[in-house]
């Protein structure tokens, strides 16, 4: 898969679901990859006309309650404008959920996150994943992805890790944990020597900071509870998730417009 084939700007959302007072984390991400050419800046948004999230019934009775909650949250995010979603390995029945969503939304790009070995990477690809993410650089996954049509986004923290991942073949890297490293200021500083390497700002980012990260050079931003808040997930308030997804899309589009206007 070519880098620009996912979509123009990449925004990542982390979801927390609740079941019998136990917390299970999974990530759904919205990729709007920032694709630049010498003459233009392209961007794409998946949008829906409805003003509220509309529930759709599909056959997923084989999934436990946590799996159903994950699917409902994903539906709300997609209805709010999300075009690419990722589910992390820690999600119960992650591959079954992925297969369900791929079948239900054939035009949306789905992936799997927190993939730590080639075995899970292969399962994810067989289940329909078009991209994989890790919190670190996993060489075995790089080899698996190079042999296919998917995109691998390894996690990096230091300048050495960024350059190493790029030299190994990574088309884009995930800077993690960005907030602990200095947030927007860290992205602005690290981008200077590595302006040729697209970066995802991951961990602790809020919607109000989305534009700052993009303007300072991040090709993508991960939004955590800002989209799938604990309150909304606990109440199963999918309309709230839908509205927050809409807001994130709006802020992302606005940041892209500003970025485009700044191009020479």
Protein backbone atom coordinates (compact mmCIF):
# COMPACT_ATOMS: atom_id res chain seq x y z
CA UNK A 1 0.00 0.00 0.00
CA UNK A 2 1.32 3.41 -0.95
CA UNK A 3 1.54 6.01 1.81
CA UNK A 4 -0.94 8.38 0.28
CA UNK A 5 -3.49 5.69 -0.49
CA UNK A 6 -4.96 5.66 3.01
CA UNK A 7 -6.15 9.26 2.89
CA UNK A 8 -4.68 12.70 3.34
CA UNK A 9 -4.32 13.55 7.23
CA UNK A 10 -4.07 11.06 10.00
CA UNK A 11 -5.84 11.49 13.32
CA UNK A 12 -5.93 8.74 15.92
CA UNK A 13 -8.57 8.19 18.59
CA UNK A 14 -8.22 5.99 21.67
CA UNK A 15 -11.35 4.39 23.08
CA UNK A 16 -12.01 3.08 26.58
CA UNK A 17 -14.91 0.66 27.07
CA UNK A 18 -16.43 -0.52 30.34
CA UNK A 19 -17.76 -3.94 31.29
CA UNK A 20 -18.51 -5.07 34.86
CA UNK A 21 -16.31 -2.22 36.19
CA UNK A 22 -13.31 -3.51 34.25
CA UNK A 23 -11.68 -1.25 31.70
CA UNK A 24 -10.66 -2.56 28.31
CA UNK A 25 -8.73 -0.29 25.97
CA UNK A 26 -8.87 -0.23 22.22
CA UNK A 27 -7.99 2.38 19.66
CA UNK A 28 -9.97 3.59 16.73
CA UNK A 29 -8.19 6.03 14.56
CA UNK A 30 -9.06 8.50 11.95
CA UNK A 31 -6.41 8.75 9.28
CA UNK A 32 -6.35 11.89 7.24
CA UNK A 33 -2.80 11.57 6.02
CA UNK A 34 -1.23 14.89 5.11
CA UNK A 35 -0.05 14.32 1.56
CA UNK A 36 2.03 17.10 0.01
CA UNK A 37 3.30 17.58 -3.54
CA UNK A 38 5.37 20.47 -4.90
CA UNK A 39 2.23 22.19 -6.11
CA UNK A 40 -0.59 21.24 -3.80
CA UNK A 41 -1.81 19.85 -0.49
CA UNK A 42 -4.50 17.19 -0.76
CA UNK A 43 -6.90 16.24 1.99
CA UNK A 44 -9.95 14.01 2.32
CA UNK A 45 -12.77 13.74 4.79
CA UNK A 46 -15.43 11.08 4.98
CA UNK A 47 -18.70 12.80 5.89
CA UNK A 48 -22.34 11.95 6.53
CA UNK A 49 -25.40 14.15 6.07
CA UNK A 50 -27.30 13.21 9.21
CA UNK A 51 -27.13 15.46 12.26
CA UNK A 52 -27.35 12.67 14.81
CA UNK A 53 -25.87 9.22 15.07
CA UNK A 54 -28.28 6.62 13.76
CA UNK A 55 -28.02 3.11 15.18
CA UNK A 56 -27.81 0.28 12.64
CA UNK A 57 -28.57 -3.33 13.42
CA UNK A 58 -26.17 -5.97 12.13
CA UNK A 59 -25.70 -9.58 13.08
CA UNK A 60 -23.04 -9.70 15.76
CA UNK A 61 -24.73 -11.78 18.41
CA UNK A 62 -21.63 -13.97 18.67
CA UNK A 63 -19.69 -11.10 20.23
CA UNK A 64 -19.65 -10.44 24.00
CA UNK A 65 -20.92 -7.14 25.42
CA UNK A 66 -17.53 -5.48 25.21
CA UNK A 67 -17.25 -6.38 21.54
CA UNK A 68 -20.70 -4.95 20.83
CA UNK A 69 -19.78 -1.75 22.65
CA UNK A 70 -16.63 -1.41 20.57
CA UNK A 71 -18.60 -1.80 17.35
CA UNK A 72 -21.23 0.74 18.41
CA UNK A 73 -18.53 3.25 19.32
CA UNK A 74 -16.85 2.70 15.96
CA UNK A 75 -20.15 3.24 14.16
CA UNK A 76 -20.68 6.52 15.99
CA UNK A 77 -17.18 7.72 15.09
CA UNK A 78 -17.65 6.80 11.43
CA UNK A 79 -21.00 8.57 11.34
CA UNK A 80 -19.25 11.63 12.78
CA UNK A 81 -16.78 11.73 9.91
CA UNK A 82 -14.06 9.21 10.74
CA UNK A 83 -12.67 7.54 7.63
CA UNK A 84 -10.06 5.17 9.07
CA UNK A 85 -10.22 3.27 12.34
CA UNK A 86 -7.81 1.12 14.31
CA UNK A 87 -8.57 -1.46 17.01
CA UNK A 88 -5.77 -2.40 19.40
CA UNK A 89 -4.77 -5.95 20.25
CA UNK A 90 -5.97 -5.66 23.85
CA UNK A 91 -9.59 -5.50 22.67
CA UNK A 92 -11.44 -8.75 23.39
CA UNK A 93 -12.24 -10.54 20.11
CA UNK A 94 -10.20 -7.97 18.22
CA UNK A 95 -10.08 -9.94 14.96
CA UNK A 96 -13.79 -10.78 15.05
CA UNK A 97 -14.60 -7.11 15.59
CA UNK A 98 -12.29 -6.13 12.76
CA UNK A 99 -13.91 -8.62 10.38
CA UNK A 100 -17.38 -7.37 11.35
CA UNK A 101 -16.48 -3.74 10.71
CA UNK A 102 -14.71 -4.51 7.43
CA UNK A 103 -17.84 -6.30 6.23
CA UNK A 104 -20.13 -3.55 7.45
CA UNK A 105 -18.08 -0.63 6.10
CA UNK A 106 -16.24 -1.75 2.94
CA UNK A 107 -15.23 1.82 2.05
CA UNK A 108 -13.60 2.56 5.43
CA UNK A 109 -9.95 1.68 6.11
CA UNK A 110 -9.42 -0.42 9.23
CA UNK A 111 -6.25 -1.42 11.07
CA UNK A 112 -4.90 -2.97 14.25
CA UNK A 113 -2.75 -1.29 16.90
CA UNK A 114 -0.33 -2.37 19.63
CA UNK A 115 0.82 -5.22 17.42
CA UNK A 116 3.99 -6.67 18.95
CA UNK A 117 4.84 -9.73 16.86
CA UNK A 118 4.62 -11.11 13.34
CA UNK A 119 2.05 -13.74 14.31
CA UNK A 120 -0.54 -11.14 15.34
CA UNK A 121 0.44 -8.99 12.36
CA UNK A 122 -0.40 -11.81 9.96
CA UNK A 123 -3.72 -12.50 11.72
CA UNK A 124 -4.61 -8.81 11.51
CA UNK A 125 -3.88 -8.68 7.80
CA UNK A 126 -5.91 -11.84 7.16
CA UNK A 127 -8.81 -10.24 9.07
CA UNK A 128 -8.81 -7.23 6.77
CA UNK A 129 -6.39 -4.75 8.37
CA UNK A 130 -4.84 -2.28 5.94
CA UNK A 131 -2.36 -0.86 8.45
CA UNK A 132 -0.62 -1.90 11.68
CA UNK A 133 0.73 0.19 14.55
CA UNK A 134 3.13 -0.62 17.38
CA UNK A 135 4.40 1.31 20.43
CA UNK A 136 7.95 0.42 19.36
CA UNK A 137 9.90 -0.73 16.30
CA UNK A 138 9.22 -4.41 15.61
CA UNK A 139 11.48 -5.67 12.81
CA UNK A 140 9.46 -8.83 12.24
CA UNK A 141 6.34 -6.80 11.49
CA UNK A 142 8.26 -4.61 9.08
CA UNK A 143 9.16 -7.75 7.10
CA UNK A 144 5.57 -8.99 7.08
CA UNK A 145 4.21 -5.66 5.84
CA UNK A 146 6.91 -5.24 3.20
CA UNK A 147 5.75 -8.48 1.64
CA UNK A 148 2.14 -7.26 1.32
CA UNK A 149 -0.03 -4.26 0.63
CA UNK A 150 -0.42 -2.85 4.16
CA UNK A 151 1.22 0.07 5.97
CA UNK A 152 3.23 -0.35 9.18
CA UNK A 153 3.61 2.59 11.61
CA UNK A 154 6.21 1.82 14.32
CA UNK A 155 6.44 3.73 17.59
CA UNK A 156 9.48 5.94 18.17
CA UNK A 157 10.65 8.36 20.82
CA UNK A 158 14.20 9.56 20.18
CA UNK A 159 15.98 10.97 17.11
CA UNK A 160 17.90 7.72 16.80
CA UNK A 161 14.71 5.66 16.80
CA UNK A 162 13.05 7.94 14.25
CA UNK A 163 15.95 7.65 11.82
CA UNK A 164 16.37 3.92 12.42
CA UNK A 165 12.70 3.22 11.67
CA UNK A 166 12.87 5.31 8.53
CA UNK A 167 16.04 3.59 7.31
CA UNK A 168 14.37 0.22 7.91
CA UNK A 169 11.60 1.18 5.53
CA UNK A 170 8.92 2.88 7.66
CA UNK A 171 6.93 5.40 5.61
CA UNK A 172 5.55 7.14 8.70
CA UNK A 173 6.38 6.87 12.43
CA UNK A 174 4.39 7.32 15.65
CA UNK A 175 6.03 9.66 18.20
CA UNK A 176 5.05 8.15 21.55
CA UNK A 177 4.48 9.24 24.28
CA UNK A 178 4.43 12.75 22.84
CA UNK A 179 2.92 14.57 25.83
CA UNK A 180 5.54 13.18 28.20
CA UNK A 181 8.24 14.25 25.76
CA UNK A 182 7.08 17.87 25.57
CA UNK A 183 3.98 17.86 23.41
CA UNK A 184 3.71 20.40 20.61
CA UNK A 185 7.15 21.82 21.37
CA UNK A 186 8.76 18.39 21.01
CA UNK A 187 7.12 17.81 17.63
CA UNK A 188 8.21 21.25 16.45
CA UNK A 189 11.81 20.58 17.52
CA UNK A 190 12.10 16.99 16.26
CA UNK A 191 10.62 17.85 12.89
CA UNK A 192 13.46 20.25 12.06
CA UNK A 193 16.12 17.59 11.34
CA UNK A 194 13.55 15.06 10.09
CA UNK A 195 11.22 17.14 7.95
CA UNK A 196 11.20 14.36 5.35
CA UNK A 197 9.73 11.80 7.78
CA UNK A 198 5.94 11.98 8.43
CA UNK A 199 5.09 11.70 12.14
CA UNK A 200 2.03 10.83 14.21
CA UNK A 201 1.74 12.70 17.53
CA UNK A 202 0.49 10.03 19.93
CA UNK A 203 -0.64 10.15 23.60
CA UNK A 204 -2.35 12.81 25.65
CA UNK A 205 -3.52 15.05 22.80
CA UNK A 206 -6.80 16.94 23.08
CA UNK A 207 -9.02 18.31 20.32
CA UNK A 208 -8.06 21.90 21.09
CA UNK A 209 -4.39 21.02 20.47
CA UNK A 210 -5.00 19.17 17.21
CA UNK A 211 -4.42 22.27 15.09
CA UNK A 212 -1.22 23.19 16.92
CA UNK A 213 0.30 19.76 16.30
CA UNK A 214 -0.57 19.86 12.60
CA UNK A 215 0.75 23.39 12.18
CA UNK A 216 3.99 22.45 13.93
CA UNK A 217 4.61 19.61 11.50
CA UNK A 218 2.77 16.53 12.73
CA UNK A 219 1.24 14.56 9.86
CA UNK A 220 -1.21 12.99 12.28
CA UNK A 221 -2.56 13.34 15.81
CA UNK A 222 -3.84 10.75 18.28
CA UNK A 223 -6.84 11.88 20.32
CA UNK A 224 -7.57 9.84 23.42
CA UNK A 225 -10.50 10.38 25.80
CA UNK A 226 -11.22 13.59 23.92
CA UNK A 227 -13.33 11.49 21.55
CA UNK A 228 -14.26 8.34 23.45
CA UNK A 229 -14.63 9.85 26.89
CA UNK A 230 -15.05 7.59 29.91
CA UNK A 231 -18.38 9.23 30.66
CA UNK A 232 -19.77 8.69 27.17
CA UNK A 233 -18.59 5.09 27.02
CA UNK A 234 -19.87 4.36 30.51
CA UNK A 235 -23.31 5.70 29.59
CA UNK A 236 -23.14 4.22 26.09
CA UNK A 237 -23.77 7.73 24.84
CA UNK A 238 -22.91 7.20 21.20
CA UNK A 239 -24.40 10.53 20.19
CA UNK A 240 -21.75 12.23 22.33
CA UNK A 241 -19.03 10.24 20.54
CA UNK A 242 -20.59 11.20 17.22
CA UNK A 243 -20.53 14.91 18.11
CA UNK A 244 -16.94 14.78 19.36
CA UNK A 245 -15.88 13.02 16.17
CA UNK A 246 -17.56 15.78 14.16
CA UNK A 247 -15.70 18.41 16.18
CA UNK A 248 -12.37 16.67 15.62
CA UNK A 249 -13.01 16.47 11.88
CA UNK A 250 -13.88 20.17 11.83
CA UNK A 251 -10.72 21.13 13.71
CA UNK A 252 -8.62 18.88 11.49
CA UNK A 253 -10.05 20.41 8.34
CA UNK A 254 -9.48 23.90 9.69
CA UNK A 255 -5.85 23.08 10.53
CA UNK A 256 -5.29 21.65 7.06
CA UNK A 257 -6.69 24.78 5.47
CA UNK A 258 -4.33 26.93 7.51
CA UNK A 259 -1.44 24.63 6.63
CA UNK A 260 -2.28 24.83 2.94
CA UNK A 261 -2.42 28.63 3.06
CA UNK A 262 1.06 28.71 4.60
CA UNK A 263 2.62 26.67 1.80
CA UNK A 264 4.84 28.69 -0.57
